Amino acid sequence: MSSAIDFSQKSLIFITGASRGIGRAIAVETSHIVNPESAFVLIASSASGLEETKSLIKQVNSSLNVITYPLDLSVPSSDVYEKLFDEVLKKIDINHTEHCIFIHNAGTIGILKKSLDVNDVDIWKNYYDLNVISAVILNTIFVKKVRNLFKKLIVINMTSLCGRVPFVNMSMYGSGKAARELFFKVFALEEPDILVLNYSPGPVDTDMFDSIVDTAQDEGLRKTMKESTVLKPEQTVQMLLGILKKGDFKSGDTIDYFDRV
């Protein structure tokens, strides 16, 4: 199976966390290069944020079909996710659609304290519900609903160096990213007909990055983040799209922005 994606072909693209930050940048930057008959499904908890992203896409190409789907991913539900795909597929003309792409981007930073100071059971459960379990269940139902409808399925998991390298105060964020990344690596092994990429975008100028700089318990972490090379969302998304177009990776790989600079 070729890993290269020809964005000139008609596509259906799902993006979680599409109301701001990297998710919004993925939607807008991709709208510049996709076939004009393609469709986007934007998923996030903020309805107003999704509408802003939709407006930005329409400014790039008014012919694109953009569906906004406000959804609280902090409460994973197979029934709700089944309904999502059933409703979306009724609204979209999938004839001649070559690619169906799901980008798992939604995520939160969690509590930025020493591991021993993060000891509330409910906080840990809620974090994993949003950042791991929702992605796992969404992905499972996505494949179940669309596998037989499209020639090529592509799944992209937005991951982080923090899921592979330990950083102080990031036991919650890092362990969640590590769990999600390994899930998608196993998924890639088990489903060789589906193209899977774990993409690590690097430090990006988003609200999440600001949270680390402003609220991390450890002064050294705050200082390290302030001194790091910070990318614009559009910058790292353009790298991601370049990787997908070139296809120089094997399914299940993890690629960091700085691997290709």
Protein backbone atom coordinates (compact mmCIF):
# COMPACT_ATOMS: atom_id res chain seq x y z
CA MET A 1 0.00 0.00 0.00
CA SER A 2 1.37 3.38 -1.01
CA SER A 3 1.69 5.90 1.81
CA ALA A 4 1.47 8.93 -0.47
CA ILE A 5 -1.81 10.85 -0.45
CA ASP A 6 -2.98 12.60 -3.60
CA PHE A 7 -5.00 15.52 -2.26
CA SER A 8 -6.22 16.36 -5.77
CA GLN A 9 -8.60 13.43 -5.37
CA LYS A 10 -11.94 13.90 -3.62
CA SER A 11 -11.62 13.33 0.13
CA LEU A 12 -13.71 13.20 3.29
CA ILE A 13 -11.74 14.55 6.25
CA PHE A 14 -12.69 14.31 9.93
CA ILE A 15 -10.77 16.50 12.41
CA THR A 16 -11.24 16.50 16.19
CA GLY A 17 -10.26 19.54 18.21
CA ALA A 18 -10.97 21.66 15.12
CA SER A 19 -12.23 24.77 16.91
CA ARG A 20 -8.80 26.31 17.54
CA GLY A 21 -5.03 25.81 17.53
CA ILE A 22 -3.48 23.01 15.53
CA GLY A 23 -6.85 21.47 14.66
CA ARG A 24 -8.03 24.70 13.09
CA ALA A 25 -4.74 25.07 11.23
CA ILE A 26 -5.04 21.53 9.86
CA ALA A 27 -8.51 22.30 8.53
CA VAL A 28 -7.60 25.63 6.95
CA GLU A 29 -4.24 24.59 5.48
CA THR A 30 -5.70 21.39 4.05
CA SER A 31 -8.52 23.36 2.44
CA HIS A 32 -5.91 25.03 0.22
CA ILE A 33 -4.84 21.74 -1.38
CA VAL A 34 -7.84 19.37 -1.42
CA ASN A 35 -10.11 18.63 -4.33
CA PRO A 36 -12.87 21.31 -4.29
CA GLU A 37 -15.54 18.60 -4.07
CA SER A 38 -14.10 17.34 -0.78
CA ALA A 39 -15.85 17.53 2.57
CA PHE A 40 -14.68 18.38 6.08
CA VAL A 41 -16.28 17.25 9.33
CA LEU A 42 -15.11 19.49 12.16
CA ILE A 43 -15.52 18.11 15.69
CA ALA A 44 -14.99 19.94 18.99
CA SER A 45 -16.89 21.01 22.08
CA SER A 46 -17.06 24.69 21.07
CA ALA A 47 -19.82 25.31 18.52
CA SER A 48 -18.77 28.92 18.03
CA GLY A 49 -15.13 27.93 17.52
CA LEU A 50 -16.15 25.37 14.90
CA GLU A 51 -18.17 27.99 13.06
CA GLU A 52 -15.13 30.27 13.00
CA THR A 53 -13.03 27.47 11.52
CA LYS A 54 -15.74 26.76 8.95
CA SER A 55 -15.77 30.42 7.95
CA LEU A 56 -11.99 30.38 7.44
CA ILE A 57 -12.26 27.29 5.23
CA LYS A 58 -15.02 28.88 3.16
CA GLN A 59 -12.84 31.95 2.64
CA VAL A 60 -10.23 29.67 1.07
CA ASN A 61 -12.68 27.67 -1.06
CA SER A 62 -16.41 28.27 -0.87
CA SER A 63 -17.21 25.06 -2.78
CA LEU A 64 -15.96 22.80 0.02
CA ASN A 65 -18.63 21.03 2.05
CA VAL A 66 -18.00 21.79 5.73
CA ILE A 67 -20.02 20.17 8.49
CA THR A 68 -19.57 21.30 12.09
CA TYR A 69 -20.38 18.75 14.78
CA PRO A 70 -20.20 20.08 18.36
CA LEU A 71 -19.37 17.15 20.62
CA ASP A 72 -18.04 16.76 24.15
CA LEU A 73 -15.32 14.14 23.83
CA SER A 74 -14.75 14.11 27.58
CA VAL A 75 -17.70 11.72 27.88
CA PRO A 76 -16.89 8.81 25.52
CA SER A 77 -19.99 7.10 24.15
CA SER A 78 -20.23 4.44 21.47
CA ASP A 79 -23.87 5.35 20.85
CA VAL A 80 -23.09 9.04 20.39
CA TYR A 81 -20.21 8.28 18.04
CA GLU A 82 -22.35 5.87 16.01
CA LYS A 83 -24.90 8.66 15.62
CA LEU A 84 -22.17 11.08 14.52
CA PHE A 85 -21.10 8.94 11.58
CA ASP A 86 -24.67 7.99 10.64
CA GLU A 87 -25.72 11.64 10.50
CA VAL A 88 -22.62 12.82 8.66
CA LEU A 89 -22.78 10.13 5.98
CA LYS A 90 -26.39 11.10 5.23
CA LYS A 91 -25.34 14.70 4.59
CA ILE A 92 -22.37 14.06 2.32
CA ASP A 93 -22.18 12.90 -1.28
CA ILE A 94 -19.49 10.23 -1.04
CA ASN A 95 -19.65 9.24 -4.72
CA HIS A 96 -16.16 9.21 -6.27
CA THR A 97 -14.55 9.97 -2.89
CA GLU A 98 -11.14 8.31 -2.89
CA HIS A 99 -9.84 9.05 0.60
CA CYS A 100 -11.42 9.09 4.02
CA ILE A 101 -9.11 10.66 6.59
CA PHE A 102 -9.56 10.84 10.34
CA ILE A 103 -7.26 13.18 12.28
CA HIS A 104 -7.24 12.57 16.03
CA ASN A 105 -6.12 15.98 17.23
CA ALA A 106 -8.29 16.78 20.27
CA GLY A 107 -6.43 16.81 23.55
CA THR A 108 -5.70 18.69 26.75
CA ILE A 109 -2.56 19.34 28.75
CA GLY A 110 -3.83 18.06 32.10
CA ILE A 111 -2.38 18.89 35.51
CA LEU A 112 1.18 20.23 35.40
CA LYS A 113 2.51 19.14 38.77
CA LYS A 114 4.82 16.54 40.27
CA SER A 115 3.46 13.03 39.85
CA LEU A 116 2.92 12.58 43.60
CA ASP A 117 0.85 15.76 43.70
CA VAL A 118 -1.62 14.47 41.10
CA ASN A 119 -3.50 11.93 43.19
CA ASP A 120 -7.20 12.57 42.53
CA VAL A 121 -8.79 9.48 40.98
CA ASP A 122 -11.52 11.42 39.16
CA ILE A 123 -9.04 13.83 37.59
CA TRP A 124 -7.04 10.91 36.18
CA LYS A 125 -10.18 9.15 34.92
CA ASN A 126 -11.51 12.30 33.29
CA TYR A 127 -8.18 12.98 31.63
CA TYR A 128 -7.95 9.53 30.12
CA ASP A 129 -11.59 9.60 29.02
CA LEU A 130 -10.96 12.68 26.90
CA ASN A 131 -7.40 12.09 25.75
CA VAL A 132 -7.24 8.33 25.25
CA ILE A 133 -10.55 6.48 25.47
CA SER A 134 -12.53 8.87 23.28
CA ALA A 135 -9.91 8.57 20.51
CA VAL A 136 -9.87 4.78 20.77
CA ILE A 137 -13.65 4.42 20.57
CA LEU A 138 -14.05 7.08 17.88
CA ASN A 139 -11.42 5.33 15.80
CA THR A 140 -13.06 1.93 16.19
CA ILE A 141 -16.47 3.22 15.11
CA PHE A 142 -14.94 5.27 12.29
CA VAL A 143 -13.44 2.13 10.76
CA LYS A 144 -16.61 0.14 11.33
CA LYS A 145 -18.76 2.76 9.59
CA VAL A 146 -16.61 3.72 6.60
CA ARG A 147 -14.27 0.82 5.82
CA ASN A 148 -16.40 -0.52 2.97
CA LEU A 149 -17.25 2.90 1.52
CA PHE A 150 -13.84 4.25 0.46
CA LYS A 151 -10.79 2.98 -1.38
CA LYS A 152 -8.31 4.29 1.15
CA LEU A 153 -8.56 5.04 4.87
CA ILE A 154 -5.97 7.24 6.55
CA VAL A 155 -5.73 7.72 10.33
CA ILE A 156 -3.50 10.43 11.79
CA ASN A 157 -2.83 10.64 15.51
CA MET A 158 -1.40 13.91 16.78
CA THR A 159 1.14 12.86 19.38
CA SER A 160 4.01 14.50 21.26
CA LEU A 161 7.65 14.08 22.17
CA CYS A 162 6.36 14.15 25.77
CA GLY A 163 4.88 10.70 25.14
CA ARG A 164 8.35 9.30 24.39
CA VAL A 165 10.68 11.39 26.56
CA PRO A 166 9.93 12.13 30.24
CA PHE A 167 9.49 15.75 31.25
CA VAL A 168 8.94 16.87 34.84
CA ASN A 169 5.32 17.82 35.65
CA MET A 170 4.10 15.97 32.57
CA SER A 171 3.22 12.53 33.94
CA MET A 172 -0.43 13.04 33.01
CA TYR A 173 0.07 14.55 29.55
CA GLY A 174 3.01 12.30 28.67
CA SER A 175 1.42 9.05 29.80
CA GLY A 176 -1.77 9.88 27.89
CA LYS A 177 0.18 10.59 24.71
CA ALA A 178 2.26 7.43 25.16
CA ALA A 179 -0.85 5.29 25.60
CA ARG A 180 -2.57 6.77 22.58
CA GLU A 181 0.50 6.51 20.37
CA LEU A 182 1.06 2.85 21.22
CA PHE A 183 -2.60 2.10 20.58
CA PHE A 184 -2.28 3.48 17.05
CA LYS A 185 0.95 1.56 16.46
CA VAL A 186 -0.82 -1.68 17.37
CA PHE A 187 -3.78 -0.63 15.24
CA ALA A 188 -1.45 -0.14 12.26
CA LEU A 189 -0.01 -3.63 12.70
CA GLU A 190 -3.44 -5.22 12.92
CA GLU A 191 -4.97 -3.31 9.99
CA PRO A 192 -2.40 -3.27 7.17
CA ASP A 193 -4.95 -1.93 4.69
CA ILE A 194 -5.33 1.31 6.69
CA LEU A 195 -2.60 3.95 6.57
CA VAL A 196 -1.63 5.22 10.05
CA LEU A 197 0.71 8.06 11.00
CA ASN A 198 1.61 9.37 14.44
CA TYR A 199 2.68 12.99 13.97
CA SER A 200 4.49 14.96 16.66
CA PRO A 201 4.13 18.67 15.82
CA GLY A 202 6.81 20.09 18.10
CA PRO A 203 6.34 23.08 20.43
CA VAL A 204 3.55 25.11 18.83
CA ASP A 205 2.21 28.57 19.62
CA THR A 206 -1.17 27.54 21.06
CA ASP A 207 -3.15 27.94 24.25
CA MET A 208 -1.74 24.59 25.40
CA PHE A 209 1.83 25.84 25.07
CA ASP A 210 0.92 29.00 26.99
CA SER A 211 -0.55 26.86 29.77
CA ILE A 212 2.78 25.10 30.26
CA VAL A 213 4.70 28.36 30.34
CA ASP A 214 2.23 29.99 32.73
CA THR A 215 1.11 27.20 35.06
CA ALA A 216 3.71 24.42 35.27
CA GLN A 217 4.73 23.78 38.86
CA ASP A 218 8.40 23.31 37.94
CA GLU A 219 10.30 26.51 37.22
CA GLY A 220 12.83 24.62 35.09
CA LEU A 221 10.11 23.35 32.76
CA ARG A 222 8.64 26.84 32.40
CA LYS A 223 12.09 28.20 31.57
CA THR A 224 12.82 25.41 29.08
CA MET A 225 9.54 26.02 27.27
CA LYS A 226 10.12 29.78 27.11
CA GLU A 227 13.52 29.20 25.53
CA SER A 228 12.41 26.56 23.03
CA THR A 229 11.88 27.09 19.32
CA VAL A 230 8.15 27.68 19.01
CA LEU A 231 6.41 26.94 15.74
CA LYS A 232 3.32 28.57 14.30
CA PRO A 233 0.40 26.15 13.86
CA GLU A 234 0.47 26.69 10.10
CA GLN A 235 4.19 25.88 10.00
CA THR A 236 3.90 22.44 11.57
CA VAL A 237 0.73 21.62 9.63
CA GLN A 238 2.47 22.38 6.35
CA MET A 239 5.18 19.91 7.38
CA LEU A 240 2.51 17.29 8.14
CA LEU A 241 0.83 17.80 4.76
CA GLY A 242 4.20 17.56 3.02
CA ILE A 243 4.89 14.24 4.73
CA LEU A 244 1.47 12.90 3.71
CA LYS A 245 1.90 14.01 0.09
CA LYS A 246 5.39 12.52 -0.15
CA GLY A 247 4.46 9.31 1.66
CA ASP A 248 8.00 8.50 2.78
CA PHE A 249 6.99 6.57 5.88
CA LYS A 250 5.51 3.22 6.74
CA SER A 251 2.15 2.79 8.42
CA GLY A 252 2.39 3.15 12.19
CA ASP A 253 5.50 5.32 12.13
CA THR A 254 5.96 8.26 14.47
CA ILE A 255 7.43 11.35 12.81
CA ASP A 256 8.39 14.50 14.69
CA TYR A 257 8.48 17.91 12.99
CA PHE A 258 12.19 18.20 13.70
CA ASP A 259 12.90 14.81 12.10
CA ARG A 260 12.28 16.40 8.70
CA VAL A 261 13.75 19.89 9.11
